[in-house]
Amino acid sequence: MKNLLFFLKRYGNKSFDELPFNENDALLLSQISYLYFEKVVKDNSRGYNLKKVMIDDNAIDLCYGAMNFKNNMRLVKLFKNTTRYDNIIFSDLVSNFDVINKQQFFAMTFWIADILFLSFRGTDLSMVGWREDFNMWFSEETPCQIDAVKYTEMIYNKYNRKMILAGHSKGGNLAFYAALYSSPKAIDKVIKVLSFDGPGLKDKEPFQSEEYKRIEDRCVTYSSASSIVAILLYHVDDVIFLKSRSFSILQHSAYNWYIKDANSLARRKNNKLLSRFLDRALTRYLAISTDKERKRFVDVLFKVAEDNPEASLLDIKHHPFRYLKNVLRRKKLLTYSQNELLKLEFKKLRVCFKDVYDQRRIAKKKRKAKKMLLSKTNKWAILCRSFLMLIAIHFLICYI
């Protein structure tokens, strides 16, 4: 498959002079930020050569516990055979993991010639990270969004160089948020903001603000064909949809995206029907529910879903039946009001999905009726034209 790993195999020995930095490189570096460099390097503030750290001896430490373990291991193994990234330095690792405040944040900076590439990590396998994602549904700003702005300001004040802000999944949201709310001086140094299948924002208003207009022409949002993550919340209208293998939520993985050539990812005209359906339904739910209602819903939902605050999805993977048993046990411990809240919010979601489905069905019937009407009109038009032509031929034969 022509994906990131194929790009690394095919073009990994081309220098940046031969093949300039492009969106394939940007996606690759965004994916690399998922690796646990904080486990390997001792001093997070100093610079390290990327290729010297991504070696076989560090592979397990870098990859274990991160999303896409097998593909990440392949990525690390392929790196030793490339020369393209020989001179890439990374520095300024910042990692904040806070169980109490529900925060999972990581960012690092890659040095590419005279440009700084700030890569924000997406959601990891921790329940804390997933809880923070759900908090975006009702919070004005989350701790990781605040940290993303602080990190961008820190890099600007420290180096005062041109910057690219990027990230995959939640990392794309953080890159966009940092560009939106950093100081004007810092944003003047930003040449590109890249969100790879990142969710949007809770409200529409930021997209109508002066801050957004200031960065709009530098923002690029990518999304997979059957996107679920990127269509969550309110997002930009001008989205680049990418060809990808697998289906539904599995298309969220950057390893499932096709590359077109050495410089670009493979595009498609629009997203698939299911993605558009989910987009409309969830947008409707945001419109009919309040922040307070969504907060209470998420609180109760995670009260049932979380084994403990420090749990991860790996625990569910390794012991699925035990996890399910504990979920059912915790569900029984909910109070009457909490159970009623869950029923009410799920009913709202069900109504939103039904309304969108009904609208689509009605629109489909209207299109079908219109098509049939046009078809009948066309038949009568053909008959009329044929009749007039016969009269004209008869006139020519008889009277000329």
Protein backbone atom coordinates (compact mmCIF):
# COMPACT_ATOMS: atom_id res chain seq x y z
CA MET A 1 0.00 0.00 0.00
CA LYS A 2 1.23 3.51 -0.85
CA ASN A 3 1.11 5.00 2.63
CA LEU A 4 3.58 6.72 4.99
CA LEU A 5 5.76 3.62 5.21
CA PHE A 6 5.88 3.41 1.40
CA PHE A 7 6.86 7.09 1.28
CA LEU A 8 9.71 6.40 3.69
CA LYS A 9 10.91 3.41 1.64
CA ARG A 10 10.64 5.08 -1.77
CA TYR A 11 11.76 8.63 -0.99
CA GLY A 12 13.65 8.21 2.29
CA ASN A 13 17.02 8.74 0.61
CA LYS A 14 16.13 11.93 -1.25
CA SER A 15 17.48 15.11 0.33
CA PHE A 16 15.32 18.17 0.94
CA ASP A 17 17.17 19.85 -1.96
CA GLU A 18 16.05 17.09 -4.33
CA LEU A 19 12.55 16.79 -2.84
CA PRO A 20 11.45 19.85 -0.83
CA PHE A 21 9.60 19.47 2.46
CA ASN A 22 5.94 18.67 1.71
CA GLU A 23 2.68 17.45 3.26
CA ASN A 24 3.89 13.83 3.33
CA ASP A 25 6.79 14.89 5.54
CA ALA A 26 4.40 16.94 7.67
CA LEU A 27 2.13 13.94 8.23
CA LEU A 28 5.14 11.75 9.02
CA LEU A 29 6.46 14.15 11.67
CA SER A 30 2.95 14.50 13.12
CA GLN A 31 2.80 10.71 13.43
CA ILE A 32 6.30 10.56 14.95
CA SER A 33 5.17 12.79 17.83
CA TYR A 34 3.02 9.85 19.05
CA LEU A 35 6.23 8.00 19.96
CA TYR A 36 7.27 8.26 23.59
CA PHE A 37 10.47 10.28 23.26
CA GLU A 38 10.03 11.43 26.85
CA LYS A 39 10.90 7.85 27.94
CA VAL A 40 14.14 7.82 25.93
CA VAL A 41 15.74 11.27 26.22
CA LYS A 42 17.01 12.58 29.54
CA ASP A 43 16.92 16.35 28.99
CA ASN A 44 13.70 17.47 27.32
CA SER A 45 14.94 21.00 26.62
CA ARG A 46 18.09 20.23 24.62
CA GLY A 47 18.33 19.12 20.98
CA TYR A 48 18.73 15.55 19.73
CA ASN A 49 19.35 14.09 16.31
CA LEU A 50 16.10 12.36 15.30
CA LYS A 51 17.74 9.47 13.46
CA LYS A 52 20.14 8.71 16.33
CA VAL A 53 17.25 8.40 18.76
CA MET A 54 14.95 6.39 16.47
CA ILE A 55 17.06 3.24 16.56
CA ASP A 56 16.21 -0.42 17.16
CA ASP A 57 17.47 -0.31 20.76
CA ASN A 58 14.88 2.35 21.59
CA ALA A 59 12.04 0.92 19.49
CA ILE A 60 10.06 -0.75 22.30
CA ASP A 61 10.37 2.23 24.64
CA LEU A 62 9.29 4.58 21.87
CA CYS A 63 6.35 2.55 20.62
CA TYR A 64 4.87 0.53 23.48
CA GLY A 65 1.62 2.06 24.71
CA ALA A 66 1.23 4.31 21.65
CA MET A 67 -1.46 3.99 19.00
CA ASN A 68 -0.57 1.74 16.02
CA PHE A 69 2.17 -0.17 17.82
CA LYS A 70 3.05 -2.49 14.89
CA ASN A 71 3.19 0.28 12.28
CA ASN A 72 5.19 2.50 14.62
CA MET A 73 7.70 -0.31 15.07
CA ARG A 74 8.00 -0.63 11.29
CA LEU A 75 8.48 3.13 11.07
CA VAL A 76 11.37 3.06 13.55
CA LYS A 77 13.01 0.14 11.73
CA LEU A 78 12.72 1.87 8.35
CA PHE A 79 14.29 5.05 9.69
CA LYS A 80 17.76 3.55 9.96
CA ASN A 81 17.86 3.00 6.18
CA THR A 82 16.99 6.58 5.25
CA THR A 83 19.17 9.65 4.73
CA ARG A 84 16.44 12.27 4.20
CA TYR A 85 16.12 13.00 7.92
CA ASP A 86 19.79 12.69 8.86
CA ASN A 87 20.06 16.34 9.87
CA ILE A 88 16.68 16.74 11.55
CA ILE A 89 17.01 17.84 15.16
CA PHE A 90 14.19 17.73 17.68
CA SER A 91 14.04 19.71 20.91
CA ASP A 92 11.83 21.32 23.55
CA LEU A 93 9.78 18.30 24.53
CA VAL A 94 6.93 19.25 26.85
CA SER A 95 4.79 16.52 28.39
CA ASN A 96 1.94 17.17 30.83
CA PHE A 97 -0.14 14.26 32.07
CA ASP A 98 -2.53 15.16 34.87
CA VAL A 99 -5.11 12.66 36.10
CA ILE A 100 -6.89 15.18 38.36
CA ASN A 101 -7.31 17.92 35.74
CA LYS A 102 -7.89 15.40 32.93
CA GLN A 103 -4.97 16.54 30.82
CA GLN A 104 -2.83 14.67 28.29
CA PHE A 105 -0.49 16.99 26.42
CA PHE A 106 2.73 16.48 24.49
CA ALA A 107 4.53 18.68 21.98
CA MET A 108 7.95 18.69 20.36
CA THR A 109 9.79 20.88 17.86
CA PHE A 110 11.63 19.61 14.77
CA TRP A 111 14.32 21.76 13.17
CA ILE A 112 14.07 21.69 9.37
CA ALA A 113 16.70 24.07 7.97
CA ASP A 114 15.55 27.52 9.15
CA ILE A 115 11.95 26.45 9.89
CA LEU A 116 10.61 25.09 13.17
CA PHE A 117 7.98 22.36 12.90
CA LEU A 118 5.87 22.25 16.07
CA SER A 119 4.18 18.87 16.34
CA PHE A 120 1.36 18.31 18.84
CA ARG A 121 0.55 14.75 19.88
CA GLY A 122 -2.97 13.44 19.41
CA THR A 123 -4.91 11.32 21.88
CA ASP A 124 -2.95 8.42 23.33
CA LEU A 125 -4.36 5.20 24.81
CA SER A 126 -4.99 6.65 28.28
CA MET A 127 -8.55 7.14 29.54
CA VAL A 128 -7.43 10.61 30.68
CA GLY A 129 -6.67 11.55 27.08
CA TRP A 130 -10.05 10.29 25.89
CA ARG A 131 -11.84 12.07 28.72
CA GLU A 132 -10.15 15.32 27.72
CA ASP A 133 -11.37 14.82 24.14
CA PHE A 134 -14.95 14.51 25.38
CA ASN A 135 -14.46 17.60 27.55
CA MET A 136 -14.04 19.60 24.34
CA TRP A 137 -17.80 19.15 23.84
CA PHE A 138 -18.63 21.53 26.69
CA SER A 139 -15.45 23.34 27.85
CA GLU A 140 -14.54 26.81 26.63
CA GLU A 141 -10.96 25.56 26.60
CA THR A 142 -9.25 22.45 27.86
CA PRO A 143 -5.90 22.30 29.73
CA CYS A 144 -4.12 20.91 26.66
CA GLN A 145 -5.43 23.77 24.49
CA ILE A 146 -4.08 26.27 27.03
CA ASP A 147 -0.74 24.44 27.00
CA ALA A 148 -0.66 24.47 23.18
CA VAL A 149 -0.87 28.28 23.20
CA LYS A 150 1.80 28.49 25.93
CA TYR A 151 4.07 26.13 24.00
CA THR A 152 3.77 28.14 20.78
CA GLU A 153 4.54 31.36 22.66
CA MET A 154 7.53 29.72 24.36
CA ILE A 155 9.03 28.53 21.06
CA TYR A 156 8.48 31.95 19.48
CA ASN A 157 10.09 33.81 22.41
CA LYS A 158 12.99 31.36 22.56
CA TYR A 159 13.92 31.19 18.86
CA ASN A 160 11.95 33.85 16.94
CA ARG A 161 11.92 31.79 13.71
CA LYS A 162 9.35 30.79 11.10
CA MET A 163 7.05 28.05 12.38
CA ILE A 164 4.71 25.37 11.09
CA LEU A 165 2.07 24.15 13.56
CA ALA A 166 0.76 20.64 12.95
CA GLY A 167 -0.76 17.58 14.51
CA HIS A 168 -2.89 14.52 13.90
CA SER A 169 -6.26 13.99 15.59
CA LYS A 170 -6.40 16.03 18.81
CA GLY A 171 -2.94 17.34 17.84
CA GLY A 172 -4.54 19.01 14.80
CA ASN A 173 -7.08 20.69 17.07
CA LEU A 174 -4.26 21.93 19.32
CA ALA A 175 -2.30 23.31 16.35
CA PHE A 176 -5.37 25.20 15.13
CA TYR A 177 -6.23 26.46 18.62
CA ALA A 178 -2.66 27.65 19.21
CA ALA A 179 -2.71 29.55 15.91
CA LEU A 180 -6.07 31.07 16.80
CA TYR A 181 -5.18 32.37 20.27
CA SER A 182 -1.43 32.98 20.31
CA SER A 183 -0.15 36.56 20.26
CA PRO A 184 -0.11 38.46 16.92
CA LYS A 185 3.70 38.57 17.00
CA ALA A 186 3.96 34.79 17.34
CA ILE A 187 1.35 34.19 14.63
CA ASP A 188 3.26 36.45 12.23
CA LYS A 189 5.98 33.79 12.31
CA VAL A 190 3.55 30.95 11.52
CA ILE A 191 3.64 30.06 7.81
CA LYS A 192 1.28 27.05 7.94
CA VAL A 193 -1.22 25.37 10.27
CA LEU A 194 -1.90 21.71 9.41
CA SER A 195 -4.67 19.70 11.02
CA PHE A 196 -4.66 16.02 10.03
CA ASP A 197 -8.14 14.71 10.83
CA GLY A 198 -8.43 16.87 13.92
CA PRO A 199 -11.79 17.69 15.56
CA GLY A 200 -13.23 21.20 15.40
CA LEU A 201 -14.26 23.67 18.11
CA LYS A 202 -17.25 23.75 20.43
CA ASP A 203 -18.77 26.95 19.01
CA LYS A 204 -19.19 28.63 15.63
CA GLU A 205 -18.10 32.07 16.85
CA PRO A 206 -14.30 31.55 16.63
CA PHE A 207 -14.65 30.96 12.86
CA GLN A 208 -16.23 34.40 12.49
CA SER A 209 -13.66 36.22 14.63
CA GLU A 210 -10.86 38.56 13.58
CA GLU A 211 -8.34 36.07 14.99
CA TYR A 212 -9.52 33.42 12.55
CA LYS A 213 -9.52 35.80 9.58
CA ARG A 214 -5.91 36.58 10.41
CA ILE A 215 -4.83 32.93 9.98
CA GLU A 216 -7.51 31.56 7.63
CA ASP A 217 -5.33 31.51 4.50
CA ARG A 218 -2.60 29.58 6.35
CA CYS A 219 -4.85 26.83 7.77
CA VAL A 220 -5.18 23.49 5.98
CA THR A 221 -7.50 20.77 7.29
CA TYR A 222 -7.27 17.19 6.05
CA SER A 223 -9.85 14.51 6.67
CA SER A 224 -10.30 10.85 5.76
CA ALA A 225 -13.13 9.76 3.44
CA SER A 226 -15.22 8.18 6.20
CA SER A 227 -14.15 10.70 8.79
CA ILE A 228 -15.76 10.60 12.20
CA VAL A 229 -13.18 12.52 14.25
CA ALA A 230 -12.66 15.51 11.94
CA ILE A 231 -16.39 16.17 11.59
CA LEU A 232 -16.88 16.34 15.37
CA LEU A 233 -17.87 19.79 16.65
CA TYR A 234 -17.82 22.87 14.41
CA HIS A 235 -15.07 22.93 11.80
CA VAL A 236 -13.86 24.81 8.74
CA ASP A 237 -15.84 24.41 5.53
CA ASP A 238 -12.86 24.02 3.23
CA VAL A 239 -11.68 20.49 4.10
CA ILE A 240 -9.35 18.38 1.95
CA PHE A 241 -10.66 14.81 1.89
CA LEU A 242 -8.15 12.01 1.49
CA LYS A 243 -8.32 8.57 -0.04
CA SER A 244 -7.83 5.87 2.53
CA ARG A 245 -8.24 2.16 3.02
CA SER A 246 -10.20 0.41 5.81
CA PHE A 247 -13.58 1.77 6.90
CA SER A 248 -15.28 4.13 9.35
CA ILE A 249 -13.24 5.09 12.45
CA LEU A 250 -10.29 2.90 11.31
CA GLN A 251 -9.65 5.43 8.53
CA HIS A 252 -8.57 7.85 11.24
CA SER A 253 -5.15 6.19 11.36
CA ALA A 254 -2.57 8.10 9.31
CA TYR A 255 -1.10 4.77 8.21
CA ASN A 256 -4.31 4.05 6.29
CA TRP A 257 -4.05 7.17 4.11
CA TYR A 258 -2.83 6.86 0.52
CA ILE A 259 -0.09 9.08 -0.84
CA LYS A 260 -0.48 10.31 -4.41
CA ASP A 261 3.19 10.94 -5.18
CA ALA A 262 6.38 12.18 -3.57
CA ASN A 263 4.85 15.58 -2.76
CA SER A 264 1.23 15.01 -1.82
CA LEU A 265 -1.45 12.83 -0.31
CA ALA A 266 -4.14 11.27 -2.51
CA ARG A 267 -7.32 13.38 -2.60
CA ARG A 268 -10.98 12.67 -3.25
CA LYS A 269 -13.81 15.10 -4.05
CA ASN A 270 -15.81 14.71 -0.83
CA ASN A 271 -16.37 12.54 2.19
CA LYS A 272 -18.61 9.51 2.20
CA LEU A 273 -22.33 9.46 2.94
CA LEU A 274 -21.98 8.06 6.48
CA SER A 275 -19.52 10.82 7.40
CA ARG A 276 -21.89 13.53 6.13
CA PHE A 277 -24.77 11.89 7.99
CA LEU A 278 -22.83 11.85 11.28
CA ASP A 279 -21.72 15.44 10.75
CA ARG A 280 -25.30 16.71 10.41
CA ALA A 281 -26.62 14.61 13.31
CA LEU A 282 -23.89 15.60 15.79
CA THR A 283 -24.09 19.27 14.76
CA ARG A 284 -27.83 19.12 15.45
CA TYR A 285 -27.13 17.60 18.88
CA LEU A 286 -24.74 20.45 19.70
CA ALA A 287 -27.45 22.93 18.74
CA ILE A 288 -30.19 21.43 20.96
CA SER A 289 -28.09 20.66 24.06
CA THR A 290 -26.37 23.02 26.48
CA ASP A 291 -22.79 22.90 27.77
CA LYS A 292 -24.10 21.99 31.23
CA GLU A 293 -26.14 19.09 29.88
CA ARG A 294 -23.22 17.74 27.85
CA LYS A 295 -20.90 18.03 30.85
CA ARG A 296 -23.25 16.03 33.07
CA PHE A 297 -23.66 13.45 30.29
CA VAL A 298 -19.88 13.01 29.86
CA ASP A 299 -19.33 12.85 33.65
CA VAL A 300 -21.82 10.00 34.03
CA LEU A 301 -20.60 8.26 30.88
CA PHE A 302 -17.00 8.12 32.14
CA LYS A 303 -18.14 7.17 35.62
CA VAL A 304 -19.34 3.98 33.97
CA ALA A 305 -16.50 3.61 31.42
CA GLU A 306 -13.46 4.25 33.65
CA ASP A 307 -12.04 1.40 35.68
CA ASN A 308 -9.73 3.87 37.39
CA PRO A 309 -8.37 7.33 36.44
CA GLU A 310 -5.03 5.88 35.31
CA ALA A 311 -6.53 3.12 33.14
CA SER A 312 -5.79 2.82 29.43
CA LEU A 313 -7.32 1.18 26.39
CA LEU A 314 -4.60 -1.48 26.64
CA ASP A 315 -6.31 -2.73 29.82
CA ILE A 316 -9.54 -3.17 27.85
CA LYS A 317 -7.69 -4.91 25.03
CA HIS A 318 -5.94 -7.37 27.35
CA HIS A 319 -8.97 -8.07 29.60
CA PRO A 320 -12.12 -7.26 27.58
CA PHE A 321 -14.55 -9.52 29.48
CA ARG A 322 -13.37 -8.34 32.88
CA TYR A 323 -13.73 -4.74 31.70
CA LEU A 324 -17.26 -5.37 30.39
CA LYS A 325 -18.22 -7.03 33.68
CA ASN A 326 -16.95 -3.97 35.60
CA VAL A 327 -18.85 -1.60 33.28
CA LEU A 328 -22.11 -3.45 33.95
CA ARG A 329 -21.38 -3.41 37.69
CA ARG A 330 -20.73 0.35 37.67
CA LYS A 331 -23.86 0.93 35.60
CA LYS A 332 -25.95 -0.72 38.32
CA LEU A 333 -24.41 1.59 40.94
CA LEU A 334 -25.67 4.74 39.21
CA THR A 335 -28.38 6.73 40.95
CA TYR A 336 -31.87 7.07 39.51
CA SER A 337 -31.17 10.64 38.32
CA GLN A 338 -27.94 9.56 36.62
CA ASN A 339 -29.71 6.74 34.79
CA GLU A 340 -32.46 9.14 33.70
CA LEU A 341 -29.82 11.58 32.45
CA LEU A 342 -28.20 8.89 30.30
CA LYS A 343 -31.59 7.90 28.88
CA LEU A 344 -32.46 11.52 28.10
CA GLU A 345 -29.18 12.33 26.33
CA PHE A 346 -29.16 9.11 24.33
CA LYS A 347 -32.75 9.86 23.35
CA LYS A 348 -31.66 13.31 22.13
CA LEU A 349 -28.92 11.70 20.05
CA ARG A 350 -31.38 9.15 18.68
CA VAL A 351 -33.84 11.91 17.74
CA CYS A 352 -31.06 13.89 16.01
CA PHE A 353 -30.02 10.88 13.96
CA LYS A 354 -33.66 10.10 13.09
CA ASP A 355 -34.37 13.70 12.04
CA VAL A 356 -31.35 13.78 9.75
CA TYR A 357 -32.27 10.39 8.31
CA ASP A 358 -35.87 11.52 7.70
CA GLN A 359 -34.68 14.73 6.04
CA ARG A 360 -32.41 12.77 3.77
CA ARG A 361 -35.21 10.34 2.88
CA ILE A 362 -37.62 13.21 2.07
CA ALA A 363 -34.95 14.97 -0.01
CA LYS A 364 -34.30 11.71 -1.87
CA LYS A 365 -38.02 11.32 -2.64
CA LYS A 366 -38.19 14.90 -3.91
CA ARG A 367 -35.19 14.34 -6.17
CA LYS A 368 -36.74 11.14 -7.48
CA ALA A 369 -40.10 12.87 -8.14
CA LYS A 370 -38.35 15.75 -9.88
CA LYS A 371 -36.35 13.32 -11.99
CA MET A 372 -39.53 11.45 -13.01
CA LEU A 373 -41.25 14.75 -13.86
CA LEU A 374 -38.33 15.81 -16.00
CA SER A 375 -38.32 12.39 -17.63
CA LYS A 376 -42.03 12.71 -18.50
CA THR A 377 -41.52 16.28 -19.70
CA ASN A 378 -38.65 15.13 -21.88
CA LYS A 379 -40.83 12.37 -23.37
CA TRP A 380 -43.57 14.85 -24.30
CA ALA A 381 -40.97 17.24 -25.69
CA ILE A 382 -39.54 14.46 -27.88
CA LEU A 383 -43.02 13.51 -29.08
CA CYS A 384 -43.87 17.13 -29.91
CA ARG A 385 -40.62 17.63 -31.78
CA SER A 386 -41.15 14.39 -33.69
CA PHE A 387 -44.72 15.41 -34.62
CA LEU A 388 -43.57 18.84 -35.85
CA MET A 389 -40.80 17.23 -37.85
CA LEU A 390 -43.28 14.87 -39.53
CA ILE A 391 -45.51 17.83 -40.46
CA ALA A 392 -42.51 19.67 -41.88
CA ILE A 393 -41.46 16.63 -43.97
CA HIS A 394 -45.04 16.15 -45.20
CA PHE A 395 -45.19 19.81 -46.23
CA LEU A 396 -41.89 19.58 -48.10
CA ILE A 397 -42.92 16.41 -49.96
CA CYS A 398 -46.43 17.58 -50.91
CA TYR A 399 -46.01 21.25 -51.70
CA ILE A 400 -42.46 21.77 -52.89
